[in-house]
Structure formats: structure tokens, C-alpha cells
Amino acid sequence: MEATAILRNTPTSPRKMRLVAGLVRGKKVDLAKAILLNSTKAASRNVMMTLKSAVSNYSQRNPNERVSDQELFIKEVFVNEGITLKRTLPAPMGRAFRIRKRSNHLTIVIDKVKDPVTK
């Protein structure tokens, strides 16, 4: 049974968050945590926080199972665009430049690794 964690309205552009999300897509949870701890990107902290929440949600949904991080993998991770705050910056000759402060929604779905079928 899979578990989901969603982080909404993160003040990072979706493009920057997708770079970090792509690093851990399809990986086992323990390997993904190691990758995120050694990443220099600022968005890796948010991905790590959401990944820990997804693991916690999995243990809450399956109270009778004792599962380690080695048995879980990231089934799905995607980043959607959140709200955009529009601000203005004064410019020469009475003009104003528009600044768009973007945000995103991060979704992580984890599941237990299926045992390969032997013939």
C-alpha cells in the first residue's frame, strides 16, 4: 500500500525543484536520503522533509508492518506550479518592472519494493 506526502506553496521556482526531484525519482528511500544530504541545492532540504513525511505516512497507514528505508522506494515524485506573487521594482524614467515570485507544490509517493517473481 502506497503513501503520499504533499508540500504546498514552497517559495522556490518549480524549475529548480524539478532538478532535485529528478535526482531521487525511482530510487530506494535510503539511497534518496543519502543523495539529498550530499546535494548542494537549497531545494533538497524541502524534498528531504517531504520524503521523511511520506515514510512516516507509510508507517501510519500500515501499523502492522515493520518496514525499513531499504524496503521502500519512491514510486512517483512530481512538482506542480503553485501561486505566483506579483511584485514591482522601480525602474528608470518612472517605469516599473514586474517581478514574479514563483512557488510550487511537491508530491512524493512511496511504496514497498515488490519481490521479483522467480520461475
PDB file of N, CA and C in Angstrom:
ATOM      1  N   MET A   1       0.844  -1.170   0.000  1.00  0.00           N
ATOM      2  CA  MET A   1       0.000   0.000   0.000  1.00  0.00           C
ATOM      3  C   MET A   1       0.895   1.241   0.000  1.00  0.00           C
ATOM      4  N   GLU A   2       0.610   2.133  -0.876  1.00  0.00           N
ATOM      5  CA  GLU A   2       1.453   3.322  -1.019  1.00  0.00           C
ATOM      6  C   GLU A   2       1.026   4.433  -0.066  1.00  0.00           C
ATOM      7  N   ALA A   3       1.930   5.380   0.109  1.00  0.00           N
ATOM      8  CA  ALA A   3       1.658   6.542   0.958  1.00  0.00           C
ATOM      9  C   ALA A   3       2.135   7.792   0.236  1.00  0.00           C
ATOM     10  N   THR A   4       1.471   8.903   0.503  1.00  0.00           N
ATOM     11  CA  THR A   4       1.741  10.158  -0.189  1.00  0.00           C
ATOM     12  C   THR A   4       2.041  11.259   0.818  1.00  0.00           C
ATOM     13  N   ALA A   5       2.936  12.166   0.420  1.00  0.00           N
ATOM     14  CA  ALA A   5       3.185  13.383   1.188  1.00  0.00           C
ATOM     15  C   ALA A   5       3.217  14.547   0.215  1.00  0.00           C
ATOM     16  N   ILE A   6       2.570  15.638   0.585  1.00  0.00           N
ATOM     17  CA  ILE A   6       2.475  16.816  -0.284  1.00  0.00           C
ATOM     18  C   ILE A   6       2.971  18.034   0.479  1.00  0.00           C
ATOM     19  N   LEU A   7       3.849  18.787  -0.147  1.00  0.00           N
ATOM     20  CA  LEU A   7       4.324  20.054   0.399  1.00  0.00           C
ATOM     21  C   LEU A   7       3.827  21.158  -0.524  1.00  0.00           C
ATOM     22  N   ARG A   8       3.000  22.036   0.013  1.00  0.00           N
ATOM     23  CA  ARG A   8       2.365  23.052  -0.827  1.00  0.00           C
ATOM     24  C   ARG A   8       2.990  24.435  -0.607  1.00  0.00           C
ATOM     25  N   ASN A   9       2.937  25.235  -1.669  1.00  0.00           N
ATOM     26  CA  ASN A   9       3.355  26.642  -1.651  1.00  0.00           C
ATOM     27  C   ASN A   9       4.774  26.837  -1.131  1.00  0.00           C
ATOM     28  N   THR A  10       5.688  26.053  -1.631  1.00  0.00           N
ATOM     29  CA  THR A  10       7.096  26.198  -1.291  1.00  0.00           C
ATOM     30  C   THR A  10       7.654  27.373  -2.075  1.00  0.00           C
ATOM     31  N   PRO A  11       8.310  28.334  -1.433  1.00  0.00           N
ATOM     32  CA  PRO A  11       8.782  29.518  -2.151  1.00  0.00           C
ATOM     33  C   PRO A  11      10.061  29.279  -2.953  1.00  0.00           C
ATOM     34  N   THR A  12       9.992  28.324  -3.863  1.00  0.00           N
ATOM     35  CA  THR A  12      11.084  28.010  -4.783  1.00  0.00           C
ATOM     36  C   THR A  12      10.457  27.863  -6.161  1.00  0.00           C
ATOM     37  N   SER A  13      11.174  28.240  -7.185  1.00  0.00           N
ATOM     38  CA  SER A  13      10.592  28.089  -8.511  1.00  0.00           C
ATOM     39  C   SER A  13      10.460  26.606  -8.852  1.00  0.00           C
ATOM     40  N   PRO A  14       9.418  26.231  -9.581  1.00  0.00           N
ATOM     41  CA  PRO A  14       9.225  24.826  -9.915  1.00  0.00           C
ATOM     42  C   PRO A  14      10.387  24.243 -10.714  1.00  0.00           C
ATOM     43  N   ARG A  15      11.010  25.047 -11.527  1.00  0.00           N
ATOM     44  CA  ARG A  15      12.120  24.568 -12.350  1.00  0.00           C
ATOM     45  C   ARG A  15      13.298  24.111 -11.484  1.00  0.00           C
ATOM     46  N   LYS A  16      13.588  24.866 -10.427  1.00  0.00           N
ATOM     47  CA  LYS A  16      14.683  24.500  -9.523  1.00  0.00           C
ATOM     48  C   LYS A  16      14.331  23.261  -8.699  1.00  0.00           C
ATOM     49  N   MET A  17      13.072  23.155  -8.296  1.00  0.00           N
ATOM     50  CA  MET A  17      12.653  21.996  -7.516  1.00  0.00           C
ATOM     51  C   MET A  17      12.640  20.729  -8.360  1.00  0.00           C
ATOM     52  N   ARG A  18      12.294  20.846  -9.638  1.00  0.00           N
ATOM     53  CA  ARG A  18      12.278  19.669 -10.518  1.00  0.00           C
ATOM     54  C   ARG A  18      13.668  19.084 -10.722  1.00  0.00           C
ATOM     55  N   LEU A  19      14.705  19.934 -10.652  1.00  0.00           N
ATOM     56  CA  LEU A  19      16.072  19.426 -10.765  1.00  0.00           C
ATOM     57  C   LEU A  19      16.388  18.460  -9.622  1.00  0.00           C
ATOM     58  N   VAL A  20      15.984  18.819  -8.425  1.00  0.00           N
ATOM     59  CA  VAL A  20      16.249  17.980  -7.260  1.00  0.00           C
ATOM     60  C   VAL A  20      15.324  16.762  -7.252  1.00  0.00           C
ATOM     61  N   ALA A  21      14.076  16.947  -7.642  1.00  0.00           N
ATOM     62  CA  ALA A  21      13.133  15.831  -7.664  1.00  0.00           C
ATOM     63  C   ALA A  21      13.578  14.757  -8.663  1.00  0.00           C
ATOM     64  N   GLY A  22      14.178  15.181  -9.742  1.00  0.00           N
ATOM     65  CA  GLY A  22      14.663  14.228 -10.732  1.00  0.00           C
ATOM     66  C   GLY A  22      15.815  13.374 -10.236  1.00  0.00           C
ATOM     67  N   LEU A  23      16.558  13.878  -9.253  1.00  0.00           N
ATOM     68  CA  LEU A  23      17.677  13.114  -8.705  1.00  0.00           C
ATOM     69  C   LEU A  23      17.218  11.880  -7.945  1.00  0.00           C
ATOM     70  N   VAL A  24      16.061  11.945  -7.303  1.00  0.00           N
ATOM     71  CA  VAL A  24      15.616  10.856  -6.440  1.00  0.00           C
ATOM     72  C   VAL A  24      14.473  10.031  -7.029  1.00  0.00           C
ATOM     73  N   ARG A  25      14.005  10.355  -8.203  1.00  0.00           N
ATOM     74  CA  ARG A  25      12.872   9.646  -8.804  1.00  0.00           C
ATOM     75  C   ARG A  25      13.222   8.178  -9.060  1.00  0.00           C
ATOM     76  N   GLY A  26      12.413   7.274  -8.507  1.00  0.00           N
ATOM     77  CA  GLY A  26      12.594   5.849  -8.733  1.00  0.00           C
ATOM     78  C   GLY A  26      13.636   5.185  -7.848  1.00  0.00           C
ATOM     79  N   LYS A  27      14.258   5.914  -6.958  1.00  0.00           N
ATOM     80  CA  LYS A  27      15.317   5.362  -6.107  1.00  0.00           C
ATOM     81  C   LYS A  27      14.725   4.798  -4.803  1.00  0.00           C
ATOM     82  N   LYS A  28      15.505   3.951  -4.133  1.00  0.00           N
ATOM     83  CA  LYS A  28      15.103   3.488  -2.807  1.00  0.00           C
ATOM     84  C   LYS A  28      15.247   4.650  -1.828  1.00  0.00           C
ATOM     85  N   VAL A  29      14.493   4.597  -0.747  1.00  0.00           N
ATOM     86  CA  VAL A  29      14.420   5.721   0.183  1.00  0.00           C
ATOM     87  C   VAL A  29      15.763   5.975   0.857  1.00  0.00           C
ATOM     88  N   ASP A  30      16.490   4.921   1.239  1.00  0.00           N
ATOM     89  CA  ASP A  30      17.766   5.146   1.909  1.00  0.00           C
ATOM     90  C   ASP A  30      18.797   5.765   0.976  1.00  0.00           C
ATOM     91  N   LEU A  31      18.778   5.362  -0.302  1.00  0.00           N
ATOM     92  CA  LEU A  31      19.675   5.962  -1.300  1.00  0.00           C
ATOM     93  C   LEU A  31      19.276   7.408  -1.592  1.00  0.00           C
ATOM     94  N   ALA A  32      17.971   7.663  -1.651  1.00  0.00           N
ATOM     95  CA  ALA A  32      17.484   9.023  -1.906  1.00  0.00           C
ATOM     96  C   ALA A  32      17.867   9.974  -0.771  1.00  0.00           C
ATOM     97  N   LYS A  33      17.809   9.493   0.471  1.00  0.00           N
ATOM     98  CA  LYS A  33      18.204  10.332   1.601  1.00  0.00           C
ATOM     99  C   LYS A  33      19.686  10.671   1.536  1.00  0.00           C
ATOM    100  N   ALA A  34      20.506   9.714   1.132  1.00  0.00           N
ATOM    101  CA  ALA A  34      21.947   9.962   1.004  1.00  0.00           C
ATOM    102  C   ALA A  34      22.220  10.985  -0.096  1.00  0.00           C
ATOM    103  N   ILE A  35      21.507  10.887  -1.199  1.00  0.00           N
ATOM    104  CA  ILE A  35      21.678  11.834  -2.305  1.00  0.00           C
ATOM    105  C   ILE A  35      21.290  13.242  -1.855  1.00  0.00           C
ATOM    106  N   LEU A  36      20.168  13.350  -1.152  1.00  0.00           N
ATOM    107  CA  LEU A  36      19.683  14.663  -0.728  1.00  0.00           C
ATOM    108  C   LEU A  36      20.575  15.293   0.336  1.00  0.00           C
ATOM    109  N   LEU A  37      21.145  14.471   1.217  1.00  0.00           N
ATOM    110  CA  LEU A  37      22.042  15.018   2.237  1.00  0.00           C
ATOM    111  C   LEU A  37      23.313  15.599   1.627  1.00  0.00           C
ATOM    112  N   ASN A  38      23.769  15.032   0.518  1.00  0.00           N
ATOM    113  CA  ASN A  38      25.001  15.488  -0.117  1.00  0.00           C
ATOM    114  C   ASN A  38      24.775  16.480  -1.245  1.00  0.00           C
ATOM    115  N   SER A  39      23.517  16.835  -1.489  1.00  0.00           N
ATOM    116  CA  SER A  39      23.207  17.789  -2.544  1.00  0.00           C
ATOM    117  C   SER A  39      23.448  19.218  -2.048  1.00  0.00           C
ATOM    118  N   THR A  40      23.944  20.066  -2.938  1.00  0.00           N
ATOM    119  CA  THR A  40      24.194  21.459  -2.581  1.00  0.00           C
ATOM    120  C   THR A  40      23.012  22.368  -2.905  1.00  0.00           C
ATOM    121  N   LYS A  41      21.975  21.833  -3.503  1.00  0.00           N
ATOM    122  CA  LYS A  41      20.811  22.633  -3.862  1.00  0.00           C
ATOM    123  C   LYS A  41      19.983  22.966  -2.625  1.00  0.00           C
ATOM    124  N   ALA A  42      19.444  24.165  -2.578  1.00  0.00           N
ATOM    125  CA  ALA A  42      18.627  24.588  -1.439  1.00  0.00           C
ATOM    126  C   ALA A  42      17.303  23.821  -1.401  1.00  0.00           C
ATOM    127  N   ALA A  43      16.810  23.407  -2.544  1.00  0.00           N
ATOM    128  CA  ALA A  43      15.533  22.697  -2.602  1.00  0.00           C
ATOM    129  C   ALA A  43      15.631  21.290  -2.027  1.00  0.00           C
ATOM    130  N   SER A  44      16.846  20.769  -1.847  1.00  0.00           N
ATOM    131  CA  SER A  44      16.988  19.404  -1.343  1.00  0.00           C
ATOM    132  C   SER A  44      16.492  19.278   0.098  1.00  0.00           C
ATOM    133  N   ARG A  45      16.548  20.363   0.869  1.00  0.00           N
ATOM    134  CA  ARG A  45      16.032  20.322   2.243  1.00  0.00           C
ATOM    135  C   ARG A  45      14.524  20.104   2.245  1.00  0.00           C
ATOM    136  N   ASN A  46      13.810  20.758   1.335  1.00  0.00           N
ATOM    137  CA  ASN A  46      12.364  20.589   1.262  1.00  0.00           C
ATOM    138  C   ASN A  46      11.991  19.197   0.773  1.00  0.00           C
ATOM    139  N   VAL A  47      12.751  18.674  -0.176  1.00  0.00           N
ATOM    140  CA  VAL A  47      12.479  17.328  -0.677  1.00  0.00           C
ATOM    141  C   VAL A  47      12.743  16.308   0.430  1.00  0.00           C
ATOM    142  N   MET A  48      13.810  16.504   1.196  1.00  0.00           N
ATOM    143  CA  MET A  48      14.130  15.597   2.299  1.00  0.00           C
ATOM    144  C   MET A  48      13.028  15.610   3.355  1.00  0.00           C
ATOM    145  N   MET A  49      12.536  16.799   3.684  1.00  0.00           N
ATOM    146  CA  MET A  49      11.470  16.931   4.671  1.00  0.00           C
ATOM    147  C   MET A  49      10.201  16.211   4.202  1.00  0.00           C
ATOM    148  N   THR A  50       9.867  16.352   2.936  1.00  0.00           N
ATOM    149  CA  THR A  50       8.673  15.717   2.389  1.00  0.00           C
ATOM    150  C   THR A  50       8.852  14.207   2.299  1.00  0.00           C
ATOM    151  N   LEU A  51      10.062  13.760   1.980  1.00  0.00           N
ATOM    152  CA  LEU A  51      10.340  12.324   1.913  1.00  0.00           C
ATOM    153  C   LEU A  51      10.196  11.679   3.294  1.00  0.00           C
ATOM    154  N   LYS A  52      10.700  12.335   4.326  1.00  0.00           N
ATOM    155  CA  LYS A  52      10.549  11.823   5.690  1.00  0.00           C
ATOM    156  C   LYS A  52       9.074  11.764   6.081  1.00  0.00           C
ATOM    157  N   SER A  53       8.315  12.748   5.653  1.00  0.00           N
ATOM    158  CA  SER A  53       6.884  12.757   5.931  1.00  0.00           C
ATOM    159  C   SER A  53       6.176  11.610   5.219  1.00  0.00           C
ATOM    160  N   ALA A  54       6.589  11.302   3.996  1.00  0.00           N
ATOM    161  CA  ALA A  54       5.982  10.199   3.256  1.00  0.00           C
ATOM    162  C   ALA A  54       6.286   8.866   3.930  1.00  0.00           C
ATOM    163  N   VAL A  55       7.514   8.699   4.429  1.00  0.00           N
ATOM    164  CA  VAL A  55       7.869   7.466   5.140  1.00  0.00           C
ATOM    165  C   VAL A  55       7.041   7.340   6.416  1.00  0.00           C
ATOM    166  N   SER A  56       6.866   8.449   7.124  1.00  0.00           N
ATOM    167  CA  SER A  56       6.047   8.443   8.329  1.00  0.00           C
ATOM    168  C   SER A  56       4.586   8.120   8.003  1.00  0.00           C
ATOM    169  N   ASN A  57       4.088   8.675   6.907  1.00  0.00           N
ATOM    170  CA  ASN A  57       2.718   8.385   6.489  1.00  0.00           C
ATOM    171  C   ASN A  57       2.555   6.911   6.134  1.00  0.00           C
ATOM    172  N   TYR A  58       3.597   6.322   5.543  1.00  0.00           N
ATOM    173  CA  TYR A  58       3.534   4.900   5.194  1.00  0.00           C
ATOM    174  C   TYR A  58       3.437   4.055   6.460  1.00  0.00           C
ATOM    175  N   SER A  59       4.225   4.389   7.468  1.00  0.00           N
ATOM    176  CA  SER A  59       4.172   3.614   8.708  1.00  0.00           C
ATOM    177  C   SER A  59       2.845   3.825   9.440  1.00  0.00           C
ATOM    178  N   GLN A  60       2.234   4.988   9.305  1.00  0.00           N
ATOM    179  CA  GLN A  60       0.932   5.241   9.911  1.00  0.00           C
ATOM    180  C   GLN A  60      -0.177   4.462   9.217  1.00  0.00           C
ATOM    181  N   ARG A  61      -0.071   4.333   7.900  1.00  0.00           N
ATOM    182  CA  ARG A  61      -1.098   3.622   7.142  1.00  0.00           C
ATOM    183  C   ARG A  61      -0.984   2.117   7.278  1.00  0.00           C
ATOM    184  N   ASN A  62       0.238   1.630   7.595  1.00  0.00           N
ATOM    185  CA  ASN A  62       0.480   0.199   7.739  1.00  0.00           C
ATOM    186  C   ASN A  62       1.038  -0.082   9.132  1.00  0.00           C
ATOM    187  N   PRO A  63       0.213  -0.017  10.169  1.00  0.00           N
ATOM    188  CA  PRO A  63       0.739  -0.157  11.528  1.00  0.00           C
ATOM    189  C   PRO A  63       1.248  -1.557  11.862  1.00  0.00           C
ATOM    190  N   ASN A  64       0.789  -2.583  11.158  1.00  0.00           N
ATOM    191  CA  ASN A  64       1.205  -3.949  11.453  1.00  0.00           C
ATOM    192  C   ASN A  64       2.502  -4.340  10.767  1.00  0.00           C
ATOM    193  N   GLU A  65       2.983  -3.524   9.847  1.00  0.00           N
ATOM    194  CA  GLU A  65       4.213  -3.813   9.112  1.00  0.00           C
ATOM    195  C   GLU A  65       5.380  -3.049   9.713  1.00  0.00           C
ATOM    196  N   ARG A  66       6.518  -3.713   9.818  1.00  0.00           N
ATOM    197  CA  ARG A  66       7.766  -3.053  10.202  1.00  0.00           C
ATOM    198  C   ARG A  66       8.618  -2.985   8.942  1.00  0.00           C
ATOM    199  N   VAL A  67       8.731  -1.814   8.377  1.00  0.00           N
ATOM    200  CA  VAL A  67       9.427  -1.650   7.114  1.00  0.00           C
ATOM    201  C   VAL A  67      10.592  -0.689   7.306  1.00  0.00           C
ATOM    202  N   SER A  68      11.755  -1.056   6.774  1.00  0.00           N
ATOM    203  CA  SER A  68      12.918  -0.171   6.838  1.00  0.00           C
ATOM    204  C   SER A  68      12.985   0.667   5.563  1.00  0.00           C
ATOM    205  N   ASP A  69      13.889   1.640   5.566  1.00  0.00           N
ATOM    206  CA  ASP A  69      14.039   2.508   4.396  1.00  0.00           C
ATOM    207  C   ASP A  69      14.564   1.747   3.176  1.00  0.00           C
ATOM    208  N   GLN A  70      15.219   0.625   3.403  1.00  0.00           N
ATOM    209  CA  GLN A  70      15.753  -0.161   2.283  1.00  0.00           C
ATOM    210  C   GLN A  70      14.658  -0.888   1.522  1.00  0.00           C
ATOM    211  N   GLU A  71      13.519  -1.102   2.165  1.00  0.00           N
ATOM    212  CA  GLU A  71      12.420  -1.819   1.529  1.00  0.00           C
ATOM    213  C   GLU A  71      11.435  -0.884   0.825  1.00  0.00           C
ATOM    214  N   LEU A  72      11.586   0.421   1.003  1.00  0.00           N
ATOM    215  CA  LEU A  72      10.694   1.388   0.365  1.00  0.00           C
ATOM    216  C   LEU A  72      11.395   2.068  -0.796  1.00  0.00           C
ATOM    217  N   PHE A  73      10.627   2.424  -1.819  1.00  0.00           N
ATOM    218  CA  PHE A  73      11.181   3.179  -2.932  1.00  0.00           C
ATOM    219  C   PHE A  73      10.223   4.297  -3.321  1.00  0.00           C
ATOM    220  N   ILE A  74      10.773   5.272  -4.006  1.00  0.00           N
ATOM    221  CA  ILE A  74       9.980   6.415  -4.435  1.00  0.00           C
ATOM    222  C   ILE A  74       9.294   6.047  -5.743  1.00  0.00           C
ATOM    223  N   LYS A  75       8.018   5.826  -5.641  1.00  0.00           N
ATOM    224  CA  LYS A  75       7.234   5.385  -6.796  1.00  0.00           C
ATOM    225  C   LYS A  75       6.972   6.531  -7.763  1.00  0.00           C
ATOM    226  N   GLU A  76       6.706   7.701  -7.180  1.00  0.00           N
ATOM    227  CA  GLU A  76       6.320   8.848  -8.006  1.00  0.00           C
ATOM    228  C   GLU A  76       6.740  10.122  -7.291  1.00  0.00           C
ATOM    229  N   VAL A  77       7.296  11.050  -8.011  1.00  0.00           N
ATOM    230  CA  VAL A  77       7.589  12.375  -7.462  1.00  0.00           C
ATOM    231  C   VAL A  77       7.360  13.381  -8.580  1.00  0.00           C
ATOM    232  N   PHE A  78       6.577  14.405  -8.274  1.00  0.00           N
ATOM    233  CA  PHE A  78       6.341  15.435  -9.284  1.00  0.00           C
ATOM    234  C   PHE A  78       6.161  16.792  -8.627  1.00  0.00           C
ATOM    235  N   VAL A  79       6.427  17.824  -9.402  1.00  0.00           N
ATOM    236  CA  VAL A  79       6.371  19.202  -8.930  1.00  0.00           C
ATOM    237  C   VAL A  79       5.402  19.971  -9.814  1.00  0.00           C
ATOM    238  N   ASN A  80       4.389  20.544  -9.201  1.00  0.00           N
ATOM    239  CA  ASN A  80       3.429  21.377  -9.922  1.00  0.00           C
ATOM    240  C   ASN A  80       3.662  22.835  -9.561  1.00  0.00           C
ATOM    241  N   GLU A  81       3.194  23.710 -10.432  1.00  0.00           N
ATOM    242  CA  GLU A  81       3.361  25.137 -10.187  1.00  0.00           C
ATOM    243  C   GLU A  81       2.342  25.608  -9.165  1.00  0.00           C
ATOM    244  N   GLY A  82       2.792  26.392  -8.205  1.00  0.00           N
ATOM    245  CA  GLY A  82       1.914  26.951  -7.175  1.00  0.00           C
ATOM    246  C   GLY A  82       1.513  28.371  -7.538  1.00  0.00           C
ATOM    247  N   ILE A  83       1.186  29.143  -6.515  1.00  0.00           N
ATOM    248  CA  ILE A  83       0.778  30.518  -6.755  1.00  0.00           C
ATOM    249  C   ILE A  83       1.999  31.358  -7.129  1.00  0.00           C
ATOM    250  N   THR A  84       1.764  32.420  -7.854  1.00  0.00           N
ATOM    251  CA  THR A  84       2.816  33.347  -8.232  1.00  0.00           C
ATOM    252  C   THR A  84       2.481  34.713  -7.642  1.00  0.00           C
ATOM    253  N   LEU A  85       3.371  35.229  -6.795  1.00  0.00           N
ATOM    254  CA  LEU A  85       3.188  36.558  -6.238  1.00  0.00           C
ATOM    255  C   LEU A  85       3.761  37.575  -7.214  1.00  0.00           C
ATOM    256  N   LYS A  86       3.000  38.588  -7.532  1.00  0.00           N
ATOM    257  CA  LYS A  86       3.449  39.592  -8.495  1.00  0.00           C
ATOM    258  C   LYS A  86       3.853  40.855  -7.739  1.00  0.00           C
ATOM    259  N   ARG A  87       5.074  41.261  -7.952  1.00  0.00           N
ATOM    260  CA  ARG A  87       5.621  42.435  -7.298  1.00  0.00           C
ATOM    261  C   ARG A  87       6.188  43.368  -8.355  1.00  0.00           C
ATOM    262  N   THR A  88       6.429  44.631  -7.989  1.00  0.00           N
ATOM    263  CA  THR A  88       7.021  45.573  -8.934  1.00  0.00           C
ATOM    264  C   THR A  88       8.311  46.128  -8.359  1.00  0.00           C
ATOM    265  N   LEU A  89       9.219  46.436  -9.261  1.00  0.00           N
ATOM    266  CA  LEU A  89      10.509  47.009  -8.902  1.00  0.00           C
ATOM    267  C   LEU A  89      10.624  48.351  -9.623  1.00  0.00           C
ATOM    268  N   PRO A  90      10.920  49.416  -8.918  1.00  0.00           N
ATOM    269  CA  PRO A  90      11.047  50.713  -9.593  1.00  0.00           C
ATOM    270  C   PRO A  90      12.147  50.671 -10.654  1.00  0.00           C
ATOM    271  N   ALA A  91      11.856  51.299 -11.790  1.00  0.00           N
ATOM    272  CA  ALA A  91      12.793  51.321 -12.908  1.00  0.00           C
ATOM    273  C   ALA A  91      13.007  52.768 -13.342  1.00  0.00           C
ATOM    274  N   PRO A  92      13.991  53.009 -14.181  1.00  0.00           N
ATOM    275  CA  PRO A  92      14.263  54.389 -14.617  1.00  0.00           C
ATOM    276  C   PRO A  92      13.088  55.025 -15.371  1.00  0.00           C
ATOM    277  N   MET A  93      13.050  56.327 -15.335  1.00  0.00           N
ATOM    278  CA  MET A  93      12.087  57.140 -16.082  1.00  0.00           C
ATOM    279  C   MET A  93      10.637  56.841 -15.689  1.00  0.00           C
ATOM    280  N   GLY A  94      10.403  56.540 -14.411  1.00  0.00           N
ATOM    281  CA  GLY A  94       9.043  56.359 -13.924  1.00  0.00           C
ATOM    282  C   GLY A  94       8.411  55.026 -14.269  1.00  0.00           C
ATOM    283  N   ARG A  95       9.156  54.126 -14.794  1.00  0.00           N
ATOM    284  CA  ARG A  95       8.607  52.820 -15.150  1.00  0.00           C
ATOM    285  C   ARG A  95       8.651  51.891 -13.939  1.00  0.00           C
ATOM    286  N   ALA A  96       8.042  50.694 -14.102  1.00  0.00           N
ATOM    287  CA  ALA A  96       8.096  49.656 -13.075  1.00  0.00           C
ATOM    288  C   ALA A  96       8.272  48.308 -13.760  1.00  0.00           C
ATOM    289  N   PHE A  97       9.203  47.529 -13.257  1.00  0.00           N
ATOM    290  CA  PHE A  97       9.421  46.180 -13.783  1.00  0.00           C
ATOM    291  C   PHE A  97       8.671  45.196 -12.901  1.00  0.00           C
ATOM    292  N   ARG A  98       8.098  44.204 -13.528  1.00  0.00           N
ATOM    293  CA  ARG A  98       7.344  43.194 -12.785  1.00  0.00           C
ATOM    294  C   ARG A  98       8.275  42.075 -12.341  1.00  0.00           C
ATOM    295  N   ILE A  99       8.158  41.698 -11.080  1.00  0.00           N
ATOM    296  CA  ILE A  99       8.887  40.556 -10.528  1.00  0.00           C
ATOM    297  C   ILE A  99       7.856  39.484 -10.203  1.00  0.00           C
ATOM    298  N   ARG A 100       8.097  38.263 -10.666  1.00  0.00           N
ATOM    299  CA  ARG A 100       7.203  37.143 -10.372  1.00  0.00           C
ATOM    300  C   ARG A 100       7.899  36.206  -9.383  1.00  0.00           C
ATOM    301  N   LYS A 101       7.363  36.132  -8.190  1.00  0.00           N
ATOM    302  CA  LYS A 101       7.902  35.231  -7.172  1.00  0.00           C
ATOM    303  C   LYS A 101       7.100  33.940  -7.242  1.00  0.00           C
ATOM    304  N   ARG A 102       7.738  32.906  -7.780  1.00  0.00           N
ATOM    305  CA  ARG A 102       7.040  31.659  -8.051  1.00  0.00           C
ATOM    306  C   ARG A 102       7.089  30.731  -6.845  1.00  0.00           C
ATOM    307  N   SER A 103       6.138  29.830  -6.784  1.00  0.00           N
ATOM    308  CA  SER A 103       6.126  28.799  -5.755  1.00  0.00           C
ATOM    309  C   SER A 103       5.713  27.483  -6.412  1.00  0.00           C
ATOM    310  N   ASN A 104       5.800  26.398  -5.648  1.00  0.00           N
ATOM    311  CA  ASN A 104       5.472  25.098  -6.229  1.00  0.00           C
ATOM    312  C   ASN A 104       4.826  24.196  -5.197  1.00  0.00           C
ATOM    313  N   HIS A 105       4.263  23.100  -5.688  1.00  0.00           N
ATOM    314  CA  HIS A 105       3.699  22.036  -4.867  1.00  0.00           C
ATOM    315  C   HIS A 105       4.480  20.757  -5.179  1.00  0.00           C
ATOM    316  N   LEU A 106       5.054  20.148  -4.142  1.00  0.00           N
ATOM    317  CA  LEU A 106       5.835  18.931  -4.298  1.00  0.00           C
ATOM    318  C   LEU A 106       5.019  17.750  -3.779  1.00  0.00           C
ATOM    319  N   THR A 107       4.935  16.675  -4.577  1.00  0.00           N
ATOM    320  CA  THR A 107       4.215  15.469  -4.194  1.00  0.00           C
ATOM    321  C   THR A 107       5.147  14.274  -4.309  1.00  0.00           C
ATOM    322  N   ILE A 108       5.242  13.487  -3.241  1.00  0.00           N
ATOM    323  CA  ILE A 108       6.067  12.277  -3.239  1.00  0.00           C
ATOM    324  C   ILE A 108       5.179  11.102  -2.861  1.00  0.00           C
ATOM    325  N   VAL A 109       5.236  10.038  -3.682  1.00  0.00           N
ATOM    326  CA  VAL A 109       4.504   8.802  -3.420  1.00  0.00           C
ATOM    327  C   VAL A 109       5.526   7.697  -3.235  1.00  0.00           C
ATOM    328  N   ILE A 110       5.445   6.980  -2.107  1.00  0.00           N
ATOM    329  CA  ILE A 110       6.370   5.871  -1.872  1.00  0.00           C
ATOM    330  C   ILE A 110       5.578   4.579  -1.735  1.00  0.00           C
ATOM    331  N   ASP A 111       6.256   3.476  -1.987  1.00  0.00           N
ATOM    332  CA  ASP A 111       5.625   2.167  -1.912  1.00  0.00           C
ATOM    333  C   ASP A 111       6.685   1.137  -1.531  1.00  0.00           C
ATOM    334  N   LYS A 112       6.233  -0.029  -1.152  1.00  0.00           N
ATOM    335  CA  LYS A 112       7.144  -1.103  -0.779  1.00  0.00           C
ATOM    336  C   LYS A 112       7.663  -1.770  -2.045  1.00  0.00           C
ATOM    337  N   VAL A 113       8.929  -2.179  -2.025  1.00  0.00           N
ATOM    338  CA  VAL A 113       9.523  -2.849  -3.173  1.00  0.00           C
ATOM    339  C   VAL A 113       8.888  -4.216  -3.322  1.00  0.00           C
ATOM    340  N   LYS A 114       8.422  -4.532  -4.524  1.00  0.00           N
ATOM    341  CA  LYS A 114       7.816  -5.822  -4.787  1.00  0.00           C
ATOM    342  C   LYS A 114       8.910  -6.868  -4.957  1.00  0.00           C
ATOM    343  N   ASP A 115       8.689  -8.040  -4.413  1.00  0.00           N
ATOM    344  CA  ASP A 115       9.645  -9.125  -4.584  1.00  0.00           C
ATOM    345  C   ASP A 115       9.580  -9.643  -6.015  1.00  0.00           C
ATOM    346  N   PRO A 116      10.742  -9.844  -6.665  1.00  0.00           N
ATOM    347  CA  PRO A 116      10.706 -10.369  -8.029  1.00  0.00           C
ATOM    348  C   PRO A 116      10.188 -11.800  -8.048  1.00  0.00           C
ATOM    349  N   VAL A 117       9.418 -12.100  -9.066  1.00  0.00           N
ATOM    350  CA  VAL A 117       8.846 -13.432  -9.205  1.00  0.00           C
ATOM    351  C   VAL A 117       9.903 -14.352  -9.799  1.00  0.00           C
ATOM    352  N   THR A 118      10.175 -15.455  -9.124  1.00  0.00           N
ATOM    353  CA  THR A 118      11.145 -16.420  -9.628  1.00  0.00           C
ATOM    354  C   THR A 118      10.424 -17.571 -10.296  1.00  0.00           C
ATOM    355  N   LYS A 119      11.030 -18.084 -11.375  1.00  0.00           N
ATOM    356  CA  LYS A 119      10.400 -19.188 -12.106  1.00  0.00           C
ATOM    357  C   LYS A 119      11.124 -20.484 -11.848  1.00  0.00           C
TER     358      LYS A 119
END
